[in-house]
């Protein structure tokens, strides 16, 4: 099983950085993980803003040469792991910009007759590890589960990814926020996951 970890936080000296380290440690110890990659969008200096002009057209976004290496990562991966904070009830703009550009038509999905398109990322699964300052129930109760609806229904199901695991950790800035317990929860989950490995050309355990 190949795992792509997409990390979205400005620096590693943070709780999100700790979740990244625990996820990497679990992948290193999980015999079912053939290979894993870490894509740090901030270290990568990823440009989240969409640019459309005569040279770059929306309908050709799946052919954008600047995004080719990121498309190869997604194609290569069996499991996509996203680690990010929840700001204003949704993922950071950096991650949303990555999603806008990479989950493009004719790469992640294909339009067809009918209400829904054909998802081209079938067979993959996803894990979302998110942290927030407010209570865990805030997105569920106050925002009508907007975060999960956005990620699972509007994004993953749209592109054919049906198996999605969510970790939403609230009160993470409080001294009694049970950070260690939540870190262990993610570590143990990632250490036990299994899947069907696929042949790949990308090197093992490479930070990108």
Foldseek 3Di string as FASTA:
>chain_A
DEEEEEEEDQDLPDLLVLLVVLLLVLLVQAPQHPFYEYEDLNVVVPDLDDDDDPVRHQVCLQVPPVCVVVLQSLVQGQEYEYGAEQDPLEGDSSVVSVQSRNCGEPRQWHQDPDDATHAPSANHEYEYEYEYQAQQCCCVPVVVVVHCCCPQVVRQVRNHHHHYHYHYQYNPVDPPSCSVVSSVVSSVVSNPDHDDHDDDDDDHPYYD
